[in-house]
Amino acid sequence: MAETAIGYVHQTPEGGWRIAGSRVSLDSVVHAHREGLSPEAIADAFPSLSLEQVYGAIAFYLRHRAEIDPYLADQNVRWEELRHESEAAHGPLLERVRAHRGGSRGEPGP
């Protein structure tokens, strides 16, 4: 007897996408897939996901690209905005951390 379809991905109330049964975002799996990582490598990178969940998430993405691609593009814009805001608000602190990291490895700071 055939099993019923399994939902590998769900949308959060806030509008994001998560792999069912985990806190891993669909974004993370799709970006890794687009970068050429194999499903096995993605599963290794996210130990909370099974290989089945990774394949299911990729299949979901491929079937729903028309909906997911614009969402991912919007997310990229939001992350860039947040990065710029963070750098503007915390620039001096970030520079000190970067200088310290460089100096702690015997490398000169910026």
PDB file of N, CA and C in Angstrom:
ATOM      1  N   MET A   1       0.840  -1.175   0.000  1.00  0.00           N
ATOM      2  CA  MET A   1       0.000   0.000   0.000  1.00  0.00           C
ATOM      3  C   MET A   1       0.889   1.243   0.000  1.00  0.00           C
ATOM      4  N   ALA A   2       0.574   2.218  -0.806  1.00  0.00           N
ATOM      5  CA  ALA A   2       1.355   3.445  -0.914  1.00  0.00           C
ATOM      6  C   ALA A   2       1.106   4.350   0.292  1.00  0.00           C
ATOM      7  N   GLU A   3       2.176   5.022   0.716  1.00  0.00           N
ATOM      8  CA  GLU A   3       2.051   5.972   1.822  1.00  0.00           C
ATOM      9  C   GLU A   3       1.518   7.301   1.301  1.00  0.00           C
ATOM     10  N   THR A   4       0.960   8.083   2.198  1.00  0.00           N
ATOM     11  CA  THR A   4       0.520   9.418   1.807  1.00  0.00           C
ATOM     12  C   THR A   4       1.734  10.333   1.709  1.00  0.00           C
ATOM     13  N   ALA A   5       1.582  11.433   1.027  1.00  0.00           N
ATOM     14  CA  ALA A   5       2.685  12.375   0.846  1.00  0.00           C
ATOM     15  C   ALA A   5       3.102  12.966   2.196  1.00  0.00           C
ATOM     16  N   ILE A   6       4.398  13.173   2.338  1.00  0.00           N
ATOM     17  CA  ILE A   6       4.960  13.757   3.547  1.00  0.00           C
ATOM     18  C   ILE A   6       5.274  15.225   3.267  1.00  0.00           C
ATOM     19  N   GLY A   7       4.921  16.083   4.200  1.00  0.00           N
ATOM     20  CA  GLY A   7       5.253  17.501   4.067  1.00  0.00           C
ATOM     21  C   GLY A   7       6.643  17.748   4.641  1.00  0.00           C
ATOM     22  N   TYR A   8       7.608  18.066   3.800  1.00  0.00           N
ATOM     23  CA  TYR A   8       8.978  18.281   4.246  1.00  0.00           C
ATOM     24  C   TYR A   8       9.260  19.732   4.623  1.00  0.00           C
ATOM     25  N   VAL A   9       8.399  20.623   4.201  1.00  0.00           N
ATOM     26  CA  VAL A   9       8.614  22.047   4.425  1.00  0.00           C
ATOM     27  C   VAL A   9       7.305  22.670   4.890  1.00  0.00           C
ATOM     28  N   HIS A  10       7.413  23.646   5.778  1.00  0.00           N
ATOM     29  CA  HIS A  10       6.208  24.379   6.173  1.00  0.00           C
ATOM     30  C   HIS A  10       6.535  25.863   6.259  1.00  0.00           C
ATOM     31  N   GLN A  11       5.498  26.670   6.103  1.00  0.00           N
ATOM     32  CA  GLN A  11       5.664  28.110   6.198  1.00  0.00           C
ATOM     33  C   GLN A  11       5.334  28.549   7.617  1.00  0.00           C
ATOM     34  N   THR A  12       6.173  29.409   8.165  1.00  0.00           N
ATOM     35  CA  THR A  12       5.958  29.906   9.525  1.00  0.00           C
ATOM     36  C   THR A  12       4.890  30.997   9.507  1.00  0.00           C
ATOM     37  N   PRO A  13       4.313  31.300  10.672  1.00  0.00           N
ATOM     38  CA  PRO A  13       3.330  32.390  10.722  1.00  0.00           C
ATOM     39  C   PRO A  13       3.916  33.733  10.265  1.00  0.00           C
ATOM     40  N   GLU A  14       5.234  33.903  10.414  1.00  0.00           N
ATOM     41  CA  GLU A  14       5.889  35.142   9.991  1.00  0.00           C
ATOM     42  C   GLU A  14       6.174  35.184   8.495  1.00  0.00           C
ATOM     43  N   GLY A  15       5.942  34.077   7.798  1.00  0.00           N
ATOM     44  CA  GLY A  15       6.147  34.046   6.354  1.00  0.00           C
ATOM     45  C   GLY A  15       7.415  33.356   5.900  1.00  0.00           C
ATOM     46  N   GLY A  16       8.247  32.913   6.843  1.00  0.00           N
ATOM     47  CA  GLY A  16       9.460  32.194   6.481  1.00  0.00           C
ATOM     48  C   GLY A  16       9.153  30.736   6.170  1.00  0.00           C
ATOM     49  N   TRP A  17      10.164  30.030   5.711  1.00  0.00           N
ATOM     50  CA  TRP A  17      10.016  28.613   5.376  1.00  0.00           C
ATOM     51  C   TRP A  17      11.006  27.807   6.201  1.00  0.00           C
ATOM     52  N   ARG A  18      10.554  26.720   6.786  1.00  0.00           N
ATOM     53  CA  ARG A  18      11.390  25.842   7.612  1.00  0.00           C
ATOM     54  C   ARG A  18      11.245  24.398   7.133  1.00  0.00           C
ATOM     55  N   ILE A  19      12.310  23.637   7.389  1.00  0.00           N
ATOM     56  CA  ILE A  19      12.251  22.205   7.138  1.00  0.00           C
ATOM     57  C   ILE A  19      11.421  21.613   8.279  1.00  0.00           C
ATOM     58  N   ALA A  20      10.410  20.838   7.938  1.00  0.00           N
ATOM     59  CA  ALA A  20       9.501  20.275   8.943  1.00  0.00           C
ATOM     60  C   ALA A  20      10.277  19.487   9.989  1.00  0.00           C
ATOM     61  N   GLY A  21       9.911  19.688  11.244  1.00  0.00           N
ATOM     62  CA  GLY A  21      10.548  18.964  12.333  1.00  0.00           C
ATOM     63  C   GLY A  21      11.909  19.495  12.723  1.00  0.00           C
ATOM     64  N   SER A  22      12.261  20.688  12.227  1.00  0.00           N
ATOM     65  CA  SER A  22      13.574  21.256  12.538  1.00  0.00           C
ATOM     66  C   SER A  22      13.458  22.773  12.634  1.00  0.00           C
ATOM     67  N   ARG A  23      14.562  23.390  13.010  1.00  0.00           N
ATOM     68  CA  ARG A  23      14.635  24.851  13.023  1.00  0.00           C
ATOM     69  C   ARG A  23      15.435  25.357  11.823  1.00  0.00           C
ATOM     70  N   VAL A  24      15.789  24.473  10.916  1.00  0.00           N
ATOM     71  CA  VAL A  24      16.601  24.837   9.748  1.00  0.00           C
ATOM     72  C   VAL A  24      15.706  25.494   8.707  1.00  0.00           C
ATOM     73  N   SER A  25      16.175  26.620   8.179  1.00  0.00           N
ATOM     74  CA  SER A  25      15.390  27.319   7.160  1.00  0.00           C
ATOM     75  C   SER A  25      15.551  26.654   5.795  1.00  0.00           C
ATOM     76  N   LEU A  26      14.501  26.751   5.015  1.00  0.00           N
ATOM     77  CA  LEU A  26      14.572  26.288   3.629  1.00  0.00           C
ATOM     78  C   LEU A  26      15.644  27.087   2.896  1.00  0.00           C
ATOM     79  N   ASP A  27      15.786  28.363   3.243  1.00  0.00           N
ATOM     80  CA  ASP A  27      16.798  29.224   2.631  1.00  0.00           C
ATOM     81  C   ASP A  27      18.179  28.570   2.697  1.00  0.00           C
ATOM     82  N   SER A  28      18.528  28.057   3.885  1.00  0.00           N
ATOM     83  CA  SER A  28      19.849  27.465   4.089  1.00  0.00           C
ATOM     84  C   SER A  28      20.086  26.279   3.171  1.00  0.00           C
ATOM     85  N   VAL A  29      19.093  25.425   3.047  1.00  0.00           N
ATOM     86  CA  VAL A  29      19.228  24.236   2.203  1.00  0.00           C
ATOM     87  C   VAL A  29      19.295  24.636   0.732  1.00  0.00           C
ATOM     88  N   VAL A  30      18.446  25.571   0.327  1.00  0.00           N
ATOM     89  CA  VAL A  30      18.433  25.992  -1.077  1.00  0.00           C
ATOM     90  C   VAL A  30      19.751  26.671  -1.451  1.00  0.00           C
ATOM     91  N   HIS A  31      20.265  27.549  -0.579  1.00  0.00           N
ATOM     92  CA  HIS A  31      21.538  28.208  -0.880  1.00  0.00           C
ATOM     93  C   HIS A  31      22.657  27.176  -1.018  1.00  0.00           C
ATOM     94  N   ALA A  32      22.691  26.198  -0.133  1.00  0.00           N
ATOM     95  CA  ALA A  32      23.713  25.149  -0.225  1.00  0.00           C
ATOM     96  C   ALA A  32      23.561  24.362  -1.524  1.00  0.00           C
ATOM     97  N   HIS A  33      22.323  24.054  -1.885  1.00  0.00           N
ATOM     98  CA  HIS A  33      22.044  23.328  -3.133  1.00  0.00           C
ATOM     99  C   HIS A  33      22.509  24.145  -4.338  1.00  0.00           C
ATOM    100  N   ARG A  34      22.190  25.447  -4.338  1.00  0.00           N
ATOM    101  CA  ARG A  34      22.596  26.323  -5.446  1.00  0.00           C
ATOM    102  C   ARG A  34      24.109  26.450  -5.544  1.00  0.00           C
ATOM    103  N   GLU A  35      24.807  26.340  -4.415  1.00  0.00           N
ATOM    104  CA  GLU A  35      26.266  26.419  -4.411  1.00  0.00           C
ATOM    105  C   GLU A  35      26.915  25.124  -4.882  1.00  0.00           C
ATOM    106  N   GLY A  36      26.086  24.126  -5.165  1.00  0.00           N
ATOM    107  CA  GLY A  36      26.608  22.885  -5.716  1.00  0.00           C
ATOM    108  C   GLY A  36      26.852  21.784  -4.709  1.00  0.00           C
ATOM    109  N   LEU A  37      26.469  21.998  -3.447  1.00  0.00           N
ATOM    110  CA  LEU A  37      26.637  20.934  -2.461  1.00  0.00           C
ATOM    111  C   LEU A  37      25.670  19.794  -2.759  1.00  0.00           C
ATOM    112  N   SER A  38      26.126  18.591  -2.564  1.00  0.00           N
ATOM    113  CA  SER A  38      25.268  17.418  -2.748  1.00  0.00           C
ATOM    114  C   SER A  38      24.301  17.331  -1.567  1.00  0.00           C
ATOM    115  N   PRO A  39      23.195  16.634  -1.731  1.00  0.00           N
ATOM    116  CA  PRO A  39      22.294  16.433  -0.590  1.00  0.00           C
ATOM    117  C   PRO A  39      23.016  15.802   0.604  1.00  0.00           C
ATOM    118  N   GLU A  40      23.956  14.907   0.336  1.00  0.00           N
ATOM    119  CA  GLU A  40      24.715  14.273   1.419  1.00  0.00           C
ATOM    120  C   GLU A  40      25.554  15.306   2.169  1.00  0.00           C
ATOM    121  N   ALA A  41      26.195  16.211   1.428  1.00  0.00           N
ATOM    122  CA  ALA A  41      27.007  17.256   2.061  1.00  0.00           C
ATOM    123  C   ALA A  41      26.125  18.226   2.850  1.00  0.00           C
ATOM    124  N   ILE A  42      24.947  18.515   2.326  1.00  0.00           N
ATOM    125  CA  ILE A  42      24.021  19.394   3.046  1.00  0.00           C
ATOM    126  C   ILE A  42      23.581  18.725   4.343  1.00  0.00           C
ATOM    127  N   ALA A  43      23.263  17.446   4.284  1.00  0.00           N
ATOM    128  CA  ALA A  43      22.871  16.716   5.496  1.00  0.00           C
ATOM    129  C   ALA A  43      24.015  16.699   6.506  1.00  0.00           C
ATOM    130  N   ASP A  44      25.244  16.571   6.038  1.00  0.00           N
ATOM    131  CA  ASP A  44      26.409  16.623   6.930  1.00  0.00           C
ATOM    132  C   ASP A  44      26.542  17.998   7.582  1.00  0.00           C
ATOM    133  N   ALA A  45      26.238  19.048   6.816  1.00  0.00           N
ATOM    134  CA  ALA A  45      26.361  20.417   7.324  1.00  0.00           C
ATOM    135  C   ALA A  45      25.258  20.764   8.325  1.00  0.00           C
ATOM    136  N   PHE A  46      24.141  20.072   8.241  1.00  0.00           N
ATOM    137  CA  PHE A  46      23.004  20.311   9.140  1.00  0.00           C
ATOM    138  C   PHE A  46      22.649  18.993   9.821  1.00  0.00           C
ATOM    139  N   PRO A  47      23.356  18.655  10.893  1.00  0.00           N
ATOM    140  CA  PRO A  47      23.170  17.346  11.535  1.00  0.00           C
ATOM    141  C   PRO A  47      21.749  17.083  12.038  1.00  0.00           C
ATOM    142  N   SER A  48      20.960  18.132  12.227  1.00  0.00           N
ATOM    143  CA  SER A  48      19.583  17.917  12.685  1.00  0.00           C
ATOM    144  C   SER A  48      18.669  17.445  11.558  1.00  0.00           C
ATOM    145  N   LEU A  49      19.165  17.464  10.314  1.00  0.00           N
ATOM    146  CA  LEU A  49      18.366  17.020   9.165  1.00  0.00           C
ATOM    147  C   LEU A  49      18.795  15.636   8.713  1.00  0.00           C
ATOM    148  N   SER A  50      17.811  14.839   8.355  1.00  0.00           N
ATOM    149  CA  SER A  50      18.107  13.547   7.741  1.00  0.00           C
ATOM    150  C   SER A  50      18.317  13.762   6.240  1.00  0.00           C
ATOM    151  N   LEU A  51      18.927  12.796   5.604  1.00  0.00           N
ATOM    152  CA  LEU A  51      19.112  12.877   4.153  1.00  0.00           C
ATOM    153  C   LEU A  51      17.751  12.953   3.460  1.00  0.00           C
ATOM    154  N   GLU A  52      16.779  12.228   3.979  1.00  0.00           N
ATOM    155  CA  GLU A  52      15.423  12.285   3.411  1.00  0.00           C
ATOM    156  C   GLU A  52      14.854  13.694   3.491  1.00  0.00           C
ATOM    157  N   GLN A  53      15.049  14.376   4.620  1.00  0.00           N
ATOM    158  CA  GLN A  53      14.542  15.743   4.760  1.00  0.00           C
ATOM    159  C   GLN A  53      15.210  16.679   3.750  1.00  0.00           C
ATOM    160  N   VAL A  54      16.503  16.500   3.530  1.00  0.00           N
ATOM    161  CA  VAL A  54      17.217  17.345   2.574  1.00  0.00           C
ATOM    162  C   VAL A  54      16.670  17.118   1.165  1.00  0.00           C
ATOM    163  N   TYR A  55      16.551  15.871   0.758  1.00  0.00           N
ATOM    164  CA  TYR A  55      15.987  15.589  -0.566  1.00  0.00           C
ATOM    165  C   TYR A  55      14.561  16.121  -0.676  1.00  0.00           C
ATOM    166  N   GLY A  56      13.771  15.953   0.393  1.00  0.00           N
ATOM    167  CA  GLY A  56      12.399  16.452   0.385  1.00  0.00           C
ATOM    168  C   GLY A  56      12.338  17.960   0.253  1.00  0.00           C
ATOM    169  N   ALA A  57      13.229  18.654   0.952  1.00  0.00           N
ATOM    170  CA  ALA A  57      13.271  20.113   0.881  1.00  0.00           C
ATOM    171  C   ALA A  57      13.677  20.579  -0.515  1.00  0.00           C
ATOM    172  N   ILE A  58      14.660  19.909  -1.104  1.00  0.00           N
ATOM    173  CA  ILE A  58      15.090  20.270  -2.459  1.00  0.00           C
ATOM    174  C   ILE A  58      13.958  20.014  -3.453  1.00  0.00           C
ATOM    175  N   ALA A  59      13.287  18.885  -3.310  1.00  0.00           N
ATOM    176  CA  ALA A  59      12.162  18.575  -4.205  1.00  0.00           C
ATOM    177  C   ALA A  59      11.057  19.622  -4.050  1.00  0.00           C
ATOM    178  N   PHE A  60      10.773  20.015  -2.800  1.00  0.00           N
ATOM    179  CA  PHE A  60       9.763  21.056  -2.556  1.00  0.00           C
ATOM    180  C   PHE A  60      10.163  22.339  -3.262  1.00  0.00           C
ATOM    181  N   TYR A  61      11.422  22.736  -3.091  1.00  0.00           N
ATOM    182  CA  TYR A  61      11.902  23.957  -3.731  1.00  0.00           C
ATOM    183  C   TYR A  61      11.758  23.880  -5.253  1.00  0.00           C
ATOM    184  N   LEU A  62      12.191  22.777  -5.844  1.00  0.00           N
ATOM    185  CA  LEU A  62      12.132  22.652  -7.302  1.00  0.00           C
ATOM    186  C   LEU A  62      10.696  22.713  -7.817  1.00  0.00           C
ATOM    187  N   ARG A  63       9.776  22.158  -7.062  1.00  0.00           N
ATOM    188  CA  ARG A  63       8.363  22.179  -7.474  1.00  0.00           C
ATOM    189  C   ARG A  63       7.736  23.565  -7.291  1.00  0.00           C
ATOM    190  N   HIS A  64       8.237  24.353  -6.335  1.00  0.00           N
ATOM    191  CA  HIS A  64       7.629  25.640  -5.989  1.00  0.00           C
ATOM    192  C   HIS A  64       8.562  26.827  -6.250  1.00  0.00           C
ATOM    193  N   ARG A  65       9.445  26.689  -7.218  1.00  0.00           N
ATOM    194  CA  ARG A  65      10.425  27.750  -7.497  1.00  0.00           C
ATOM    195  C   ARG A  65       9.780  29.092  -7.784  1.00  0.00           C
ATOM    196  N   ALA A  66       8.654  29.090  -8.482  1.00  0.00           N
ATOM    197  CA  ALA A  66       7.997  30.356  -8.835  1.00  0.00           C
ATOM    198  C   ALA A  66       7.587  31.131  -7.584  1.00  0.00           C
ATOM    199  N   GLU A  67       7.316  30.438  -6.508  1.00  0.00           N
ATOM    200  CA  GLU A  67       6.944  31.085  -5.247  1.00  0.00           C
ATOM    201  C   GLU A  67       8.165  31.334  -4.363  1.00  0.00           C
ATOM    202  N   ILE A  68       9.100  30.408  -4.337  1.00  0.00           N
ATOM    203  CA  ILE A  68      10.231  30.479  -3.408  1.00  0.00           C
ATOM    204  C   ILE A  68      11.325  31.431  -3.896  1.00  0.00           C
ATOM    205  N   ASP A  69      11.599  31.479  -5.195  1.00  0.00           N
ATOM    206  CA  ASP A  69      12.664  32.355  -5.690  1.00  0.00           C
ATOM    207  C   ASP A  69      12.430  33.831  -5.346  1.00  0.00           C
ATOM    208  N   PRO A  70      11.218  34.379  -5.546  1.00  0.00           N
ATOM    209  CA  PRO A  70      11.004  35.778  -5.126  1.00  0.00           C
ATOM    210  C   PRO A  70      11.155  35.962  -3.607  1.00  0.00           C
ATOM    211  N   TYR A  71      10.721  34.983  -2.827  1.00  0.00           N
ATOM    212  CA  TYR A  71      10.894  35.036  -1.373  1.00  0.00           C
ATOM    213  C   TYR A  71      12.385  35.101  -1.030  1.00  0.00           C
ATOM    214  N   LEU A  72      13.202  34.249  -1.668  1.00  0.00           N
ATOM    215  CA  LEU A  72      14.643  34.239  -1.401  1.00  0.00           C
ATOM    216  C   LEU A  72      15.291  35.560  -1.808  1.00  0.00           C
ATOM    217  N   ALA A  73      14.857  36.133  -2.918  1.00  0.00           N
ATOM    218  CA  ALA A  73      15.392  37.423  -3.355  1.00  0.00           C
ATOM    219  C   ALA A  73      15.062  38.501  -2.329  1.00  0.00           C
ATOM    220  N   ASP A  74      13.840  38.501  -1.811  1.00  0.00           N
ATOM    221  CA  ASP A  74      13.452  39.461  -0.772  1.00  0.00           C
ATOM    222  C   ASP A  74      14.286  39.263   0.490  1.00  0.00           C
ATOM    223  N   GLN A  75      14.527  38.010   0.859  1.00  0.00           N
ATOM    224  CA  GLN A  75      15.337  37.717   2.040  1.00  0.00           C
ATOM    225  C   GLN A  75      16.756  38.246   1.868  1.00  0.00           C
ATOM    226  N   ASN A  76      17.325  38.079   0.684  1.00  0.00           N
ATOM    227  CA  ASN A  76      18.679  38.579   0.428  1.00  0.00           C
ATOM    228  C   ASN A  76      18.746  40.095   0.596  1.00  0.00           C
ATOM    229  N   VAL A  77      17.729  40.792   0.110  1.00  0.00           N
ATOM    230  CA  VAL A  77      17.675  42.244   0.261  1.00  0.00           C
ATOM    231  C   VAL A  77      17.591  42.604   1.739  1.00  0.00           C
ATOM    232  N   ARG A  78      16.740  41.910   2.487  1.00  0.00           N
ATOM    233  CA  ARG A  78      16.595  42.184   3.923  1.00  0.00           C
ATOM    234  C   ARG A  78      17.905  41.948   4.668  1.00  0.00           C
ATOM    235  N   TRP A  79      18.605  40.843   4.364  1.00  0.00           N
ATOM    236  CA  TRP A  79      19.871  40.555   5.044  1.00  0.00           C
ATOM    237  C   TRP A  79      20.918  41.608   4.735  1.00  0.00           C
ATOM    238  N   GLU A  80      20.972  42.078   3.497  1.00  0.00           N
ATOM    239  CA  GLU A  80      21.930  43.125   3.139  1.00  0.00           C
ATOM    240  C   GLU A  80      21.613  44.413   3.899  1.00  0.00           C
ATOM    241  N   GLU A  81      20.328  44.759   3.996  1.00  0.00           N
ATOM    242  CA  GLU A  81      19.937  45.952   4.746  1.00  0.00           C
ATOM    243  C   GLU A  81      20.344  45.815   6.212  1.00  0.00           C
ATOM    244  N   LEU A  82      20.093  44.659   6.805  1.00  0.00           N
ATOM    245  CA  LEU A  82      20.457  44.436   8.203  1.00  0.00           C
ATOM    246  C   LEU A  82      21.968  44.495   8.402  1.00  0.00           C
ATOM    247  N   ARG A  83      22.716  43.946   7.453  1.00  0.00           N
ATOM    248  CA  ARG A  83      24.171  43.973   7.547  1.00  0.00           C
ATOM    249  C   ARG A  83      24.678  45.409   7.527  1.00  0.00           C
ATOM    250  N   HIS A  84      24.137  46.218   6.609  1.00  0.00           N
ATOM    251  CA  HIS A  84      24.556  47.618   6.522  1.00  0.00           C
ATOM    252  C   HIS A  84      24.185  48.379   7.796  1.00  0.00           C
ATOM    253  N   GLU A  85      22.988  48.138   8.316  1.00  0.00           N
ATOM    254  CA  GLU A  85      22.567  48.794   9.559  1.00  0.00           C
ATOM    255  C   GLU A  85      23.484  48.399  10.713  1.00  0.00           C
ATOM    256  N   SER A  86      23.819  47.126  10.789  1.00  0.00           N
ATOM    257  CA  SER A  86      24.689  46.645  11.858  1.00  0.00           C
ATOM    258  C   SER A  86      26.072  47.257  11.755  1.00  0.00           C
ATOM    259  N   GLU A  87      26.616  47.304  10.543  1.00  0.00           N
ATOM    260  CA  GLU A  87      27.938  47.895  10.359  1.00  0.00           C
ATOM    261  C   GLU A  87      27.922  49.382  10.706  1.00  0.00           C
ATOM    262  N   ALA A  88      26.848  50.080  10.358  1.00  0.00           N
ATOM    263  CA  ALA A  88      26.755  51.500  10.670  1.00  0.00           C
ATOM    264  C   ALA A  88      26.645  51.720  12.177  1.00  0.00           C
ATOM    265  N   ALA A  89      25.875  50.879  12.836  1.00  0.00           N
ATOM    266  CA  ALA A  89      25.645  51.040  14.277  1.00  0.00           C
ATOM    267  C   ALA A  89      26.813  50.545  15.118  1.00  0.00           C
ATOM    268  N   HIS A  90      27.522  49.529  14.621  1.00  0.00           N
ATOM    269  CA  HIS A  90      28.556  48.876  15.429  1.00  0.00           C
ATOM    270  C   HIS A  90      29.923  48.892  14.761  1.00  0.00           C
ATOM    271  N   GLY A  91      30.137  49.812  13.836  1.00  0.00           N
ATOM    272  CA  GLY A  91      31.392  49.860  13.088  1.00  0.00           C
ATOM    273  C   GLY A  91      32.642  49.869  13.946  1.00  0.00           C
ATOM    274  N   PRO A  92      32.749  50.773  14.939  1.00  0.00           N
ATOM    275  CA  PRO A  92      33.964  50.799  15.757  1.00  0.00           C
ATOM    276  C   PRO A  92      34.212  49.485  16.501  1.00  0.00           C
ATOM    277  N   LEU A  93      33.149  48.894  17.025  1.00  0.00           N
ATOM    278  CA  LEU A  93      33.295  47.611  17.722  1.00  0.00           C
ATOM    279  C   LEU A  93      33.753  46.523  16.761  1.00  0.00           C
ATOM    280  N   LEU A  94      33.146  46.474  15.576  1.00  0.00           N
ATOM    281  CA  LEU A  94      33.536  45.467  14.593  1.00  0.00           C
ATOM    282  C   LEU A  94      35.003  45.629  14.195  1.00  0.00           C
ATOM    283  N   GLU A  95      35.453  46.864  14.033  1.00  0.00           N
ATOM    284  CA  GLU A  95      36.855  47.095  13.670  1.00  0.00           C
ATOM    285  C   GLU A  95      37.794  46.603  14.767  1.00  0.00           C
ATOM    286  N   ARG A  96      37.428  46.855  16.045  1.00  0.00           N
ATOM    287  CA  ARG A  96      38.271  46.387  17.152  1.00  0.00           C
ATOM    288  C   ARG A  96      38.318  44.858  17.183  1.00  0.00           C
ATOM    289  N   VAL A  97      37.176  44.205  16.960  1.00  0.00           N
ATOM    290  CA  VAL A  97      37.136  42.733  16.955  1.00  0.00           C
ATOM    291  C   VAL A  97      37.986  42.193  15.811  1.00  0.00           C
ATOM    292  N   ARG A  98      37.843  42.786  14.642  1.00  0.00           N
ATOM    293  CA  ARG A  98      38.637  42.333  13.490  1.00  0.00           C
ATOM    294  C   ARG A  98      40.123  42.539  13.736  1.00  0.00           C
ATOM    295  N   ALA A  99      40.485  43.670  14.320  1.00  0.00           N
ATOM    296  CA  ALA A  99      41.894  43.948  14.613  1.00  0.00           C
ATOM    297  C   ALA A  99      42.429  42.954  15.631  1.00  0.00           C
ATOM    298  N   HIS A 100      41.628  42.651  16.634  1.00  0.00           N
ATOM    299  CA  HIS A 100      42.048  41.693  17.660  1.00  0.00           C
ATOM    300  C   HIS A 100      42.229  40.298  17.065  1.00  0.00           C
ATOM    301  N   ARG A 101      41.303  39.885  16.222  1.00  0.00           N
ATOM    302  CA  ARG A 101      41.410  38.566  15.587  1.00  0.00           C
ATOM    303  C   ARG A 101      42.654  38.474  14.726  1.00  0.00           C
ATOM    304  N   GLY A 102      42.924  39.496  13.970  1.00  0.00           N
ATOM    305  CA  GLY A 102      44.114  39.505  13.131  1.00  0.00           C
ATOM    306  C   GLY A 102      45.376  39.452  13.956  1.00  0.00           C
ATOM    307  N   GLY A 103      45.419  40.237  15.027  1.00  0.00           N
ATOM    308  CA  GLY A 103      46.583  40.272  15.897  1.00  0.00           C
ATOM    309  C   GLY A 103      46.766  38.989  16.683  1.00  0.00           C
ATOM    310  N   SER A 104      45.672  38.279  17.002  1.00  0.00           N
ATOM    311  CA  SER A 104      45.788  37.058  17.802  1.00  0.00           C
ATOM    312  C   SER A 104      46.387  35.918  17.002  1.00  0.00           C
ATOM    313  N   ARG A 105      46.420  36.025  15.691  1.00  0.00           N
ATOM    314  CA  ARG A 105      47.022  34.981  14.860  1.00  0.00           C
ATOM    315  C   ARG A 105      48.395  35.388  14.385  1.00  0.00           C
ATOM    316  N   GLY A 106      48.902  36.456  14.975  1.00  0.00           N
ATOM    317  CA  GLY A 106      50.223  36.910  14.558  1.00  0.00           C
ATOM    318  C   GLY A 106      50.192  37.747  13.305  1.00  0.00           C
ATOM    319  N   GLU A 107      48.974  38.099  12.838  1.00  0.00           N
ATOM    320  CA  GLU A 107      48.840  38.917  11.652  1.00  0.00           C
ATOM    321  C   GLU A 107      48.602  40.359  12.081  1.00  0.00           C
ATOM    322  N   PRO A 108      49.028  41.300  11.300  1.00  0.00           N
ATOM    323  CA  PRO A 108      48.762  42.686  11.658  1.00  0.00           C
ATOM    324  C   PRO A 108      47.267  42.986  11.519  1.00  0.00           C
ATOM    325  N   GLY A 109      46.773  43.858  12.348  1.00  0.00           N
ATOM    326  CA  GLY A 109      45.374  44.290  12.242  1.00  0.00           C
ATOM    327  C   GLY A 109      45.220  45.214  11.068  1.00  0.00           C
ATOM    328  N   PRO A 110      43.978  45.593  10.722  1.00  0.00           N
ATOM    329  CA  PRO A 110      43.750  46.494   9.581  1.00  0.00           C
ATOM    330  C   PRO A 110      44.277  47.874   9.797  1.00  0.00           C
TER     331      PRO A 110
END
